[in-house]
Amino acid sequence: MNRWNPIAHLRFFPCALVLSLAAAMVPAAAQNLRPFPPGAQRGALVVVEPPDITVNDKPERLSPGARIHGADNLVMLSAALVGQSLLVNFVREPHGLVHEVWILTPAEAANPLP
């Protein structure tokens, strides 16, 4: 009968340690700038009351199903951002509503849009 032997499994510890350290270093290397679509625009966004927003002090609206990506690229709810002034890149849908928004990191904000 095969039984688990903790001493025999210690030979895998160095490999597991190296792999875990390599995996921990990936997020540091993965902090490259996100690729934005070619038609992306930049502006200062303030969520007034969802779906009402202002972009560069001009009243706008979020489209139904709009996505707001945080600086960590996770999707955020617009209600969580009410009243905050954020530097963002955004894309409009064909009807002119703001459809996709990316909150910029300081590194991304320093780079101009292509």
PDB file of N, CA and C in Angstrom:
ATOM      1  N   MET A   1       0.844  -1.168   0.000  1.00  0.00           N
ATOM      2  CA  MET A   1       0.000   0.000   0.000  1.00  0.00           C
ATOM      3  C   MET A   1       0.895   1.238   0.000  1.00  0.00           C
ATOM      4  N   ASN A   2       0.571   2.198  -0.829  1.00  0.00           N
ATOM      5  CA  ASN A   2       1.348   3.427  -0.896  1.00  0.00           C
ATOM      6  C   ASN A   2       0.875   4.385   0.191  1.00  0.00           C
ATOM      7  N   ARG A   3       1.806   4.883   0.908  1.00  0.00           N
ATOM      8  CA  ARG A   3       1.488   5.855   1.949  1.00  0.00           C
ATOM      9  C   ARG A   3       2.302   7.108   1.702  1.00  0.00           C
ATOM     10  N   TRP A   4       1.797   8.215   2.163  1.00  0.00           N
ATOM     11  CA  TRP A   4       2.496   9.487   1.999  1.00  0.00           C
ATOM     12  C   TRP A   4       3.629   9.558   2.982  1.00  0.00           C
ATOM     13  N   ASN A   5       4.806   9.795   2.471  1.00  0.00           N
ATOM     14  CA  ASN A   5       5.997   9.878   3.301  1.00  0.00           C
ATOM     15  C   ASN A   5       6.494  11.321   3.236  1.00  0.00           C
ATOM     16  N   PRO A   6       6.383  12.083   4.327  1.00  0.00           N
ATOM     17  CA  PRO A   6       6.781  13.493   4.271  1.00  0.00           C
ATOM     18  C   PRO A   6       8.258  13.692   3.995  1.00  0.00           C
ATOM     19  N   ILE A   7       9.100  12.771   4.413  1.00  0.00           N
ATOM     20  CA  ILE A   7      10.538  12.899   4.188  1.00  0.00           C
ATOM     21  C   ILE A   7      10.857  12.715   2.704  1.00  0.00           C
ATOM     22  N   ALA A   8      10.191  11.785   2.057  1.00  0.00           N
ATOM     23  CA  ALA A   8      10.449  11.519   0.644  1.00  0.00           C
ATOM     24  C   ALA A   8      10.009  12.699  -0.230  1.00  0.00           C
ATOM     25  N   HIS A   9       9.041  13.460   0.226  1.00  0.00           N
ATOM     26  CA  HIS A   9       8.533  14.575  -0.569  1.00  0.00           C
ATOM     27  C   HIS A   9       9.346  15.853  -0.390  1.00  0.00           C
ATOM     28  N   LEU A  10      10.296  15.854   0.537  1.00  0.00           N
ATOM     29  CA  LEU A  10      11.140  17.031   0.725  1.00  0.00           C
ATOM     30  C   LEU A  10      12.048  17.300  -0.463  1.00  0.00           C
ATOM     31  N   ARG A  11      12.266  16.298  -1.300  1.00  0.00           N
ATOM     32  CA  ARG A  11      13.124  16.513  -2.474  1.00  0.00           C
ATOM     33  C   ARG A  11      12.460  17.458  -3.475  1.00  0.00           C
ATOM     34  N   PHE A  12      11.141  17.626  -3.401  1.00  0.00           N
ATOM     35  CA  PHE A  12      10.436  18.545  -4.290  1.00  0.00           C
ATOM     36  C   PHE A  12      10.412  19.981  -3.758  1.00  0.00           C
ATOM     37  N   PHE A  13      10.829  20.175  -2.510  1.00  0.00           N
ATOM     38  CA  PHE A  13      10.782  21.509  -1.905  1.00  0.00           C
ATOM     39  C   PHE A  13      11.609  22.553  -2.650  1.00  0.00           C
ATOM     40  N   PRO A  14      12.867  22.254  -3.042  1.00  0.00           N
ATOM     41  CA  PRO A  14      13.634  23.283  -3.773  1.00  0.00           C
ATOM     42  C   PRO A  14      12.973  23.692  -5.083  1.00  0.00           C
ATOM     43  N   CYS A  15      12.413  22.734  -5.804  1.00  0.00           N
ATOM     44  CA  CYS A  15      11.722  23.060  -7.065  1.00  0.00           C
ATOM     45  C   CYS A  15      10.495  23.927  -6.791  1.00  0.00           C
ATOM     46  N   ALA A  16       9.737  23.583  -5.776  1.00  0.00           N
ATOM     47  CA  ALA A  16       8.545  24.362  -5.441  1.00  0.00           C
ATOM     48  C   ALA A  16       8.925  25.766  -5.005  1.00  0.00           C
ATOM     49  N   LEU A  17      10.018  25.892  -4.269  1.00  0.00           N
ATOM     50  CA  LEU A  17      10.477  27.202  -3.827  1.00  0.00           C
ATOM     51  C   LEU A  17      10.881  28.071  -5.011  1.00  0.00           C
ATOM     52  N   VAL A  18      11.612  27.513  -5.939  1.00  0.00           N
ATOM     53  CA  VAL A  18      12.041  28.264  -7.124  1.00  0.00           C
ATOM     54  C   VAL A  18      10.834  28.675  -7.960  1.00  0.00           C
ATOM     55  N   LEU A  19       9.883  27.770  -8.154  1.00  0.00           N
ATOM     56  CA  LEU A  19       8.695  28.096  -8.942  1.00  0.00           C
ATOM     57  C   LEU A  19       7.845  29.163  -8.270  1.00  0.00           C
ATOM     58  N   SER A  20       7.717  29.111  -6.955  1.00  0.00           N
ATOM     59  CA  SER A  20       6.915  30.119  -6.258  1.00  0.00           C
ATOM     60  C   SER A  20       7.590  31.487  -6.310  1.00  0.00           C
ATOM     61  N   LEU A  21       8.913  31.521  -6.212  1.00  0.00           N
ATOM     62  CA  LEU A  21       9.634  32.796  -6.335  1.00  0.00           C
ATOM     63  C   LEU A  21       9.514  33.351  -7.746  1.00  0.00           C
ATOM     64  N   ALA A  22       9.574  32.490  -8.738  1.00  0.00           N
ATOM     65  CA  ALA A  22       9.423  32.943 -10.123  1.00  0.00           C
ATOM     66  C   ALA A  22       8.014  33.477 -10.354  1.00  0.00           C
ATOM     67  N   ALA A  23       7.020  32.826  -9.781  1.00  0.00           N
ATOM     68  CA  ALA A  23       5.642  33.293  -9.934  1.00  0.00           C
ATOM     69  C   ALA A  23       5.434  34.617  -9.220  1.00  0.00           C
ATOM     70  N   ALA A  24       6.129  34.833  -8.116  1.00  0.00           N
ATOM     71  CA  ALA A  24       6.001  36.096  -7.390  1.00  0.00           C
ATOM     72  C   ALA A  24       6.634  37.240  -8.160  1.00  0.00           C
ATOM     73  N   MET A  25       7.613  36.955  -8.991  1.00  0.00           N
ATOM     74  CA  MET A  25       8.283  37.999  -9.750  1.00  0.00           C
ATOM     75  C   MET A  25       7.525  38.372 -11.019  1.00  0.00           C
ATOM     76  N   VAL A  26       6.604  37.526 -11.476  1.00  0.00           N
ATOM     77  CA  VAL A  26       5.863  37.803 -12.699  1.00  0.00           C
ATOM     78  C   VAL A  26       5.049  39.083 -12.591  1.00  0.00           C
ATOM     79  N   PRO A  27       4.306  39.367 -11.504  1.00  0.00           N
ATOM     80  CA  PRO A  27       3.564  40.622 -11.453  1.00  0.00           C
ATOM     81  C   PRO A  27       4.461  41.852 -11.562  1.00  0.00           C
ATOM     82  N   ALA A  28       5.662  41.795 -11.017  1.00  0.00           N
ATOM     83  CA  ALA A  28       6.562  42.933 -11.132  1.00  0.00           C
ATOM     84  C   ALA A  28       6.981  43.135 -12.580  1.00  0.00           C
ATOM     85  N   ALA A  29       7.200  42.046 -13.305  1.00  0.00           N
ATOM     86  CA  ALA A  29       7.574  42.163 -14.706  1.00  0.00           C
ATOM     87  C   ALA A  29       6.365  42.467 -15.580  1.00  0.00           C
ATOM     88  N   ALA A  30       5.172  42.126 -15.096  1.00  0.00           N
ATOM     89  CA  ALA A  30       3.967  42.317 -15.897  1.00  0.00           C
ATOM     90  C   ALA A  30       3.369  43.707 -15.738  1.00  0.00           C
ATOM     91  N   GLN A  31       4.078  44.624 -15.095  1.00  0.00           N
ATOM     92  CA  GLN A  31       3.544  45.960 -14.912  1.00  0.00           C
ATOM     93  C   GLN A  31       3.835  46.836 -16.121  1.00  0.00           C
ATOM     94  N   ASN A  32       3.860  46.227 -17.277  1.00  0.00           N
ATOM     95  CA  ASN A  32       4.024  46.991 -18.500  1.00  0.00           C
ATOM     96  C   ASN A  32       2.758  47.791 -18.756  1.00  0.00           C
ATOM     97  N   LEU A  33       2.860  48.717 -19.665  1.00  0.00           N
ATOM     98  CA  LEU A  33       1.708  49.534 -20.002  1.00  0.00           C
ATOM     99  C   LEU A  33       0.675  48.691 -20.739  1.00  0.00           C
ATOM    100  N   ARG A  34      -0.589  48.936 -20.433  1.00  0.00           N
ATOM    101  CA  ARG A  34      -1.657  48.192 -21.089  1.00  0.00           C
ATOM    102  C   ARG A  34      -1.810  48.685 -22.523  1.00  0.00           C
ATOM    103  N   PRO A  35      -2.135  47.809 -23.454  1.00  0.00           N
ATOM    104  CA  PRO A  35      -2.391  48.261 -24.826  1.00  0.00           C
ATOM    105  C   PRO A  35      -3.815  48.824 -24.917  1.00  0.00           C
ATOM    106  N   PHE A  36      -3.931  50.057 -25.373  1.00  0.00           N
ATOM    107  CA  PHE A  36      -5.232  50.685 -25.528  1.00  0.00           C
ATOM    108  C   PHE A  36      -5.630  50.656 -26.999  1.00  0.00           C
ATOM    109  N   PRO A  37      -6.921  50.635 -27.296  1.00  0.00           N
ATOM    110  CA  PRO A  37      -7.357  50.618 -28.691  1.00  0.00           C
ATOM    111  C   PRO A  37      -6.894  51.879 -29.425  1.00  0.00           C
ATOM    112  N   PRO A  38      -6.754  51.812 -30.748  1.00  0.00           N
ATOM    113  CA  PRO A  38      -6.266  52.953 -31.508  1.00  0.00           C
ATOM    114  C   PRO A  38      -7.144  54.198 -31.380  1.00  0.00           C
ATOM    115  N   GLY A  39      -8.438  54.051 -31.189  1.00  0.00           N
ATOM    116  CA  GLY A  39      -9.330  55.205 -31.109  1.00  0.00           C
ATOM    117  C   GLY A  39      -9.521  55.747 -29.705  1.00  0.00           C
ATOM    118  N   ALA A  40      -8.703  55.324 -28.763  1.00  0.00           N
ATOM    119  CA  ALA A  40      -8.872  55.755 -27.371  1.00  0.00           C
ATOM    120  C   ALA A  40      -8.567  57.238 -27.226  1.00  0.00           C
ATOM    121  N   GLN A  41      -9.324  57.881 -26.354  1.00  0.00           N
ATOM    122  CA  GLN A  41      -9.129  59.293 -26.032  1.00  0.00           C
ATOM    123  C   GLN A  41      -8.749  59.382 -24.562  1.00  0.00           C
ATOM    124  N   ARG A  42      -8.177  60.515 -24.171  1.00  0.00           N
ATOM    125  CA  ARG A  42      -7.780  60.720 -22.782  1.00  0.00           C
ATOM    126  C   ARG A  42      -8.554  61.889 -22.217  1.00  0.00           C
ATOM    127  N   GLY A  43      -8.908  61.788 -20.941  1.00  0.00           N
ATOM    128  CA  GLY A  43      -9.614  62.884 -20.300  1.00  0.00           C
ATOM    129  C   GLY A  43      -9.722  62.687 -18.801  1.00  0.00           C
ATOM    130  N   ALA A  44     -10.231  63.713 -18.154  1.00  0.00           N
ATOM    131  CA  ALA A  44     -10.488  63.669 -16.712  1.00  0.00           C
ATOM    132  C   ALA A  44     -11.950  63.294 -16.529  1.00  0.00           C
ATOM    133  N   LEU A  45     -12.190  62.155 -15.912  1.00  0.00           N
ATOM    134  CA  LEU A  45     -13.548  61.636 -15.745  1.00  0.00           C
ATOM    135  C   LEU A  45     -13.993  61.798 -14.304  1.00  0.00           C
ATOM    136  N   VAL A  46     -15.237  62.235 -14.139  1.00  0.00           N
ATOM    137  CA  VAL A  46     -15.875  62.277 -12.823  1.00  0.00           C
ATOM    138  C   VAL A  46     -17.237  61.610 -12.971  1.00  0.00           C
ATOM    139  N   VAL A  47     -17.502  60.599 -12.148  1.00  0.00           N
ATOM    140  CA  VAL A  47     -18.821  59.969 -12.145  1.00  0.00           C
ATOM    141  C   VAL A  47     -19.711  60.820 -11.252  1.00  0.00           C
ATOM    142  N   VAL A  48     -20.717  61.458 -11.862  1.00  0.00           N
ATOM    143  CA  VAL A  48     -21.620  62.332 -11.111  1.00  0.00           C
ATOM    144  C   VAL A  48     -22.676  61.477 -10.409  1.00  0.00           C
ATOM    145  N   GLU A  49     -23.457  60.781 -11.185  1.00  0.00           N
ATOM    146  CA  GLU A  49     -24.457  59.831 -10.680  1.00  0.00           C
ATOM    147  C   GLU A  49     -24.681  58.839 -11.798  1.00  0.00           C
ATOM    148  N   PRO A  50     -24.257  57.600 -11.616  1.00  0.00           N
ATOM    149  CA  PRO A  50     -24.298  56.656 -12.735  1.00  0.00           C
ATOM    150  C   PRO A  50     -25.672  56.595 -13.390  1.00  0.00           C
ATOM    151  N   PRO A  51     -25.749  56.625 -14.693  1.00  0.00           N
ATOM    152  CA  PRO A  51     -24.703  56.585 -15.706  1.00  0.00           C
ATOM    153  C   PRO A  51     -24.209  57.972 -16.147  1.00  0.00           C
ATOM    154  N   ASP A  52     -24.552  59.024 -15.409  1.00  0.00           N
ATOM    155  CA  ASP A  52     -24.108  60.374 -15.778  1.00  0.00           C
ATOM    156  C   ASP A  52     -22.679  60.601 -15.316  1.00  0.00           C
ATOM    157  N   ILE A  53     -21.843  61.084 -16.228  1.00  0.00           N
ATOM    158  CA  ILE A  53     -20.447  61.372 -15.933  1.00  0.00           C
ATOM    159  C   ILE A  53     -20.089  62.717 -16.556  1.00  0.00           C
ATOM    160  N   THR A  54     -18.933  63.224 -16.200  1.00  0.00           N
ATOM    161  CA  THR A  54     -18.371  64.362 -16.917  1.00  0.00           C
ATOM    162  C   THR A  54     -16.983  63.954 -17.393  1.00  0.00           C
ATOM    163  N   VAL A  55     -16.672  64.322 -18.627  1.00  0.00           N
ATOM    164  CA  VAL A  55     -15.352  64.099 -19.188  1.00  0.00           C
ATOM    165  C   VAL A  55     -14.824  65.466 -19.582  1.00  0.00           C
ATOM    166  N   ASN A  56     -13.734  65.867 -18.946  1.00  0.00           N
ATOM    167  CA  ASN A  56     -13.162  67.210 -19.156  1.00  0.00           C
ATOM    168  C   ASN A  56     -14.219  68.291 -18.923  1.00  0.00           C
ATOM    169  N   ASP A  57     -14.982  68.153 -17.840  1.00  0.00           N
ATOM    170  CA  ASP A  57     -16.027  69.088 -17.414  1.00  0.00           C
ATOM    171  C   ASP A  57     -17.177  69.210 -18.405  1.00  0.00           C
ATOM    172  N   LYS A  58     -17.332  68.259 -19.292  1.00  0.00           N
ATOM    173  CA  LYS A  58     -18.444  68.238 -20.251  1.00  0.00           C
ATOM    174  C   LYS A  58     -19.357  67.066 -19.890  1.00  0.00           C
ATOM    175  N   PRO A  59     -20.664  67.292 -19.757  1.00  0.00           N
ATOM    176  CA  PRO A  59     -21.560  66.187 -19.372  1.00  0.00           C
ATOM    177  C   PRO A  59     -21.603  65.091 -20.444  1.00  0.00           C
ATOM    178  N   GLU A  60     -21.498  63.872 -20.002  1.00  0.00           N
ATOM    179  CA  GLU A  60     -21.533  62.692 -20.878  1.00  0.00           C
ATOM    180  C   GLU A  60     -22.349  61.616 -20.181  1.00  0.00           C
ATOM    181  N   ARG A  61     -22.482  60.464 -20.842  1.00  0.00           N
ATOM    182  CA  ARG A  61     -23.176  59.312 -20.266  1.00  0.00           C
ATOM    183  C   ARG A  61     -22.406  58.040 -20.563  1.00  0.00           C
ATOM    184  N   LEU A  62     -22.478  57.118 -19.615  1.00  0.00           N
ATOM    185  CA  LEU A  62     -21.938  55.779 -19.851  1.00  0.00           C
ATOM    186  C   LEU A  62     -22.965  54.977 -20.643  1.00  0.00           C
ATOM    187  N   SER A  63     -22.490  54.156 -21.550  1.00  0.00           N
ATOM    188  CA  SER A  63     -23.394  53.308 -22.325  1.00  0.00           C
ATOM    189  C   SER A  63     -23.899  52.168 -21.441  1.00  0.00           C
ATOM    190  N   PRO A  64     -25.025  51.563 -21.817  1.00  0.00           N
ATOM    191  CA  PRO A  64     -25.441  50.364 -21.094  1.00  0.00           C
ATOM    192  C   PRO A  64     -24.378  49.279 -21.278  1.00  0.00           C
ATOM    193  N   GLY A  65     -23.944  48.689 -20.217  1.00  0.00           N
ATOM    194  CA  GLY A  65     -22.898  47.667 -20.293  1.00  0.00           C
ATOM    195  C   GLY A  65     -21.500  48.236 -20.344  1.00  0.00           C
ATOM    196  N   ALA A  66     -21.344  49.501 -20.000  1.00  0.00           N
ATOM    197  CA  ALA A  66     -20.011  50.116 -20.008  1.00  0.00           C
ATOM    198  C   ALA A  66     -19.126  49.423 -18.989  1.00  0.00           C
ATOM    199  N   ARG A  67     -17.830  49.338 -19.325  1.00  0.00           N
ATOM    200  CA  ARG A  67     -16.858  48.715 -18.422  1.00  0.00           C
ATOM    201  C   ARG A  67     -15.831  49.752 -18.011  1.00  0.00           C
ATOM    202  N   ILE A  68     -15.559  49.791 -16.722  1.00  0.00           N
ATOM    203  CA  ILE A  68     -14.532  50.672 -16.181  1.00  0.00           C
ATOM    204  C   ILE A  68     -13.453  49.777 -15.594  1.00  0.00           C
ATOM    205  N   HIS A  69     -12.248  49.852 -16.177  1.00  0.00           N
ATOM    206  CA  HIS A  69     -11.116  49.052 -15.711  1.00  0.00           C
ATOM    207  C   HIS A  69     -10.288  49.902 -14.759  1.00  0.00           C
ATOM    208  N   GLY A  70     -10.024  49.380 -13.572  1.00  0.00           N
ATOM    209  CA  GLY A  70      -9.212  50.091 -12.597  1.00  0.00           C
ATOM    210  C   GLY A  70      -7.747  50.091 -12.999  1.00  0.00           C
ATOM    211  N   ALA A  71      -6.921  50.729 -12.196  1.00  0.00           N
ATOM    212  CA  ALA A  71      -5.484  50.770 -12.468  1.00  0.00           C
ATOM    213  C   ALA A  71      -4.876  49.371 -12.444  1.00  0.00           C
ATOM    214  N   ASP A  72      -5.510  48.451 -11.711  1.00  0.00           N
ATOM    215  CA  ASP A  72      -5.049  47.062 -11.673  1.00  0.00           C
ATOM    216  C   ASP A  72      -5.722  46.209 -12.746  1.00  0.00           C
ATOM    217  N   ASN A  73      -6.466  46.848 -13.634  1.00  0.00           N
ATOM    218  CA  ASN A  73      -7.162  46.248 -14.775  1.00  0.00           C
ATOM    219  C   ASN A  73      -8.350  45.377 -14.365  1.00  0.00           C
ATOM    220  N   LEU A  74      -8.797  45.486 -13.116  1.00  0.00           N
ATOM    221  CA  LEU A  74     -10.021  44.805 -12.696  1.00  0.00           C
ATOM    222  C   LEU A  74     -11.204  45.708 -12.980  1.00  0.00           C
ATOM    223  N   VAL A  75     -12.344  45.124 -13.324  1.00  0.00           N
ATOM    224  CA  VAL A  75     -13.532  45.898 -13.630  1.00  0.00           C
ATOM    225  C   VAL A  75     -14.105  46.485 -12.344  1.00  0.00           C
ATOM    226  N   MET A  76     -14.437  47.779 -12.392  1.00  0.00           N
ATOM    227  CA  MET A  76     -14.970  48.485 -11.228  1.00  0.00           C
ATOM    228  C   MET A  76     -16.398  48.941 -11.523  1.00  0.00           C
ATOM    229  N   LEU A  77     -17.168  49.106 -10.476  1.00  0.00           N
ATOM    230  CA  LEU A  77     -18.517  49.639 -10.621  1.00  0.00           C
ATOM    231  C   LEU A  77     -18.463  51.164 -10.622  1.00  0.00           C
ATOM    232  N   SER A  78     -19.273  51.775 -11.471  1.00  0.00           N
ATOM    233  CA  SER A  78     -19.263  53.237 -11.562  1.00  0.00           C
ATOM    234  C   SER A  78     -19.731  53.874 -10.259  1.00  0.00           C
ATOM    235  N   ALA A  79     -20.608  53.219  -9.529  1.00  0.00           N
ATOM    236  CA  ALA A  79     -21.106  53.776  -8.270  1.00  0.00           C
ATOM    237  C   ALA A  79     -19.993  53.896  -7.225  1.00  0.00           C
ATOM    238  N   ALA A  80     -18.950  53.085  -7.340  1.00  0.00           N
ATOM    239  CA  ALA A  80     -17.841  53.148  -6.387  1.00  0.00           C
ATOM    240  C   ALA A  80     -16.921  54.333  -6.660  1.00  0.00           C
ATOM    241  N   LEU A  81     -17.101  54.994  -7.797  1.00  0.00           N
ATOM    242  CA  LEU A  81     -16.215  56.086  -8.192  1.00  0.00           C
ATOM    243  C   LEU A  81     -16.888  57.454  -8.143  1.00  0.00           C
ATOM    244  N   VAL A  82     -18.064  57.540  -7.568  1.00  0.00           N
ATOM    245  CA  VAL A  82     -18.818  58.801  -7.552  1.00  0.00           C
ATOM    246  C   VAL A  82     -18.002  59.894  -6.867  1.00  0.00           C
ATOM    247  N   GLY A  83     -17.870  61.032  -7.559  1.00  0.00           N
ATOM    248  CA  GLY A  83     -17.206  62.197  -7.007  1.00  0.00           C
ATOM    249  C   GLY A  83     -15.696  62.226  -7.160  1.00  0.00           C
ATOM    250  N   GLN A  84     -15.081  61.156  -7.618  1.00  0.00           N
ATOM    251  CA  GLN A  84     -13.625  61.126  -7.784  1.00  0.00           C
ATOM    252  C   GLN A  84     -13.247  61.649  -9.166  1.00  0.00           C
ATOM    253  N   SER A  85     -12.213  62.460  -9.221  1.00  0.00           N
ATOM    254  CA  SER A  85     -11.690  62.926 -10.498  1.00  0.00           C
ATOM    255  C   SER A  85     -10.547  62.011 -10.894  1.00  0.00           C
ATOM    256  N   LEU A  86     -10.681  61.352 -12.041  1.00  0.00           N
ATOM    257  CA  LEU A  86      -9.729  60.328 -12.464  1.00  0.00           C
ATOM    258  C   LEU A  86      -9.220  60.619 -13.868  1.00  0.00           C
ATOM    259  N   LEU A  87      -7.931  60.442 -14.080  1.00  0.00           N
ATOM    260  CA  LEU A  87      -7.370  60.547 -15.422  1.00  0.00           C
ATOM    261  C   LEU A  87      -7.557  59.195 -16.091  1.00  0.00           C
ATOM    262  N   VAL A  88      -8.221  59.192 -17.241  1.00  0.00           N
ATOM    263  CA  VAL A  88      -8.603  57.939 -17.894  1.00  0.00           C
ATOM    264  C   VAL A  88      -8.356  57.994 -19.393  1.00  0.00           C
ATOM    265  N   ASN A  89      -8.273  56.822 -19.984  1.00  0.00           N
ATOM    266  CA  ASN A  89      -8.422  56.639 -21.423  1.00  0.00           C
ATOM    267  C   ASN A  89      -9.801  56.028 -21.611  1.00  0.00           C
ATOM    268  N   PHE A  90     -10.483  56.419 -22.670  1.00  0.00           N
ATOM    269  CA  PHE A  90     -11.827  55.893 -22.884  1.00  0.00           C
ATOM    270  C   PHE A  90     -12.107  55.735 -24.365  1.00  0.00           C
ATOM    271  N   VAL A  91     -13.096  54.885 -24.656  1.00  0.00           N
ATOM    272  CA  VAL A  91     -13.548  54.623 -26.016  1.00  0.00           C
ATOM    273  C   VAL A  91     -15.052  54.824 -26.040  1.00  0.00           C
ATOM    274  N   ARG A  92     -15.533  55.416 -27.131  1.00  0.00           N
ATOM    275  CA  ARG A  92     -16.973  55.627 -27.296  1.00  0.00           C
ATOM    276  C   ARG A  92     -17.578  54.511 -28.145  1.00  0.00           C
ATOM    277  N   GLU A  93     -18.864  54.300 -27.965  1.00  0.00           N
ATOM    278  CA  GLU A  93     -19.608  53.375 -28.809  1.00  0.00           C
ATOM    279  C   GLU A  93     -20.108  54.148 -30.034  1.00  0.00           C
ATOM    280  N   PRO A  94     -20.703  53.481 -31.025  1.00  0.00           N
ATOM    281  CA  PRO A  94     -21.141  54.185 -32.245  1.00  0.00           C
ATOM    282  C   PRO A  94     -22.142  55.319 -32.016  1.00  0.00           C
ATOM    283  N   HIS A  95     -22.915  55.276 -30.939  1.00  0.00           N
ATOM    284  CA  HIS A  95     -23.886  56.340 -30.676  1.00  0.00           C
ATOM    285  C   HIS A  95     -23.283  57.510 -29.903  1.00  0.00           C
ATOM    286  N   GLY A  96     -22.011  57.428 -29.555  1.00  0.00           N
ATOM    287  CA  GLY A  96     -21.331  58.521 -28.882  1.00  0.00           C
ATOM    288  C   GLY A  96     -21.248  58.399 -27.365  1.00  0.00           C
ATOM    289  N   LEU A  97     -21.826  57.359 -26.800  1.00  0.00           N
ATOM    290  CA  LEU A  97     -21.748  57.165 -25.354  1.00  0.00           C
ATOM    291  C   LEU A  97     -20.392  56.556 -24.978  1.00  0.00           C
ATOM    292  N   VAL A  98     -19.920  56.872 -23.801  1.00  0.00           N
ATOM    293  CA  VAL A  98     -18.650  56.324 -23.316  1.00  0.00           C
ATOM    294  C   VAL A  98     -18.875  54.854 -22.976  1.00  0.00           C
ATOM    295  N   HIS A  99     -18.106  53.973 -23.630  1.00  0.00           N
ATOM    296  CA  HIS A  99     -18.365  52.540 -23.501  1.00  0.00           C
ATOM    297  C   HIS A  99     -17.312  51.801 -22.680  1.00  0.00           C
ATOM    298  N   GLU A 100     -16.050  52.140 -22.838  1.00  0.00           N
ATOM    299  CA  GLU A 100     -15.002  51.444 -22.105  1.00  0.00           C
ATOM    300  C   GLU A 100     -14.028  52.480 -21.560  1.00  0.00           C
ATOM    301  N   VAL A 101     -13.678  52.323 -20.276  1.00  0.00           N
ATOM    302  CA  VAL A 101     -12.838  53.301 -19.578  1.00  0.00           C
ATOM    303  C   VAL A 101     -11.703  52.556 -18.889  1.00  0.00           C
ATOM    304  N   TRP A 102     -10.501  53.123 -18.967  1.00  0.00           N
ATOM    305  CA  TRP A 102      -9.338  52.587 -18.258  1.00  0.00           C
ATOM    306  C   TRP A 102      -8.797  53.682 -17.355  1.00  0.00           C
ATOM    307  N   ILE A 103      -8.801  53.450 -16.044  1.00  0.00           N
ATOM    308  CA  ILE A 103      -8.190  54.383 -15.097  1.00  0.00           C
ATOM    309  C   ILE A 103      -6.680  54.194 -15.214  1.00  0.00           C
ATOM    310  N   LEU A 104      -5.962  55.291 -15.418  1.00  0.00           N
ATOM    311  CA  LEU A 104      -4.540  55.209 -15.721  1.00  0.00           C
ATOM    312  C   LEU A 104      -3.677  55.139 -14.470  1.00  0.00           C
ATOM    313  N   THR A 105      -2.606  54.377 -14.566  1.00  0.00           N
ATOM    314  CA  THR A 105      -1.569  54.372 -13.548  1.00  0.00           C
ATOM    315  C   THR A 105      -0.672  55.581 -13.801  1.00  0.00           C
ATOM    316  N   PRO A 106       0.155  55.987 -12.842  1.00  0.00           N
ATOM    317  CA  PRO A 106       1.058  57.122 -13.093  1.00  0.00           C
ATOM    318  C   PRO A 106       1.980  56.901 -14.301  1.00  0.00           C
ATOM    319  N   ALA A 107       2.439  55.664 -14.509  1.00  0.00           N
ATOM    320  CA  ALA A 107       3.307  55.371 -15.659  1.00  0.00           C
ATOM    321  C   ALA A 107       2.548  55.534 -16.971  1.00  0.00           C
ATOM    322  N   GLU A 108       1.297  55.081 -17.002  1.00  0.00           N
ATOM    323  CA  GLU A 108       0.487  55.211 -18.216  1.00  0.00           C
ATOM    324  C   GLU A 108       0.122  56.664 -18.471  1.00  0.00           C
ATOM    325  N   ALA A 109      -0.124  57.426 -17.410  1.00  0.00           N
ATOM    326  CA  ALA A 109      -0.480  58.832 -17.568  1.00  0.00           C
ATOM    327  C   ALA A 109       0.693  59.639 -18.109  1.00  0.00           C
ATOM    328  N   ALA A 110       1.916  59.196 -17.812  1.00  0.00           N
ATOM    329  CA  ALA A 110       3.096  59.931 -18.285  1.00  0.00           C
ATOM    330  C   ALA A 110       3.318  59.732 -19.793  1.00  0.00           C
ATOM    331  N   ASN A 111       2.823  58.635 -20.343  1.00  0.00           N
ATOM    332  CA  ASN A 111       2.992  58.361 -21.765  1.00  0.00           C
ATOM    333  C   ASN A 111       1.851  58.964 -22.558  1.00  0.00           C
ATOM    334  N   PRO A 112       2.152  59.673 -23.656  1.00  0.00           N
ATOM    335  CA  PRO A 112       1.072  60.221 -24.474  1.00  0.00           C
ATOM    336  C   PRO A 112       0.396  59.119 -25.282  1.00  0.00           C
ATOM    337  N   LEU A 113      -0.839  59.378 -25.682  1.00  0.00           N
ATOM    338  CA  LEU A 113      -1.549  58.439 -26.540  1.00  0.00           C
ATOM    339  C   LEU A 113      -0.916  58.445 -27.929  1.00  0.00           C
ATOM    340  N   PRO A 114      -0.876  57.301 -28.600  1.00  0.00           N
ATOM    341  CA  PRO A 114      -0.315  57.285 -29.967  1.00  0.00           C
ATOM    342  C   PRO A 114      -1.215  58.008 -30.954  1.00  0.00           C
TER     343      PRO A 114
END
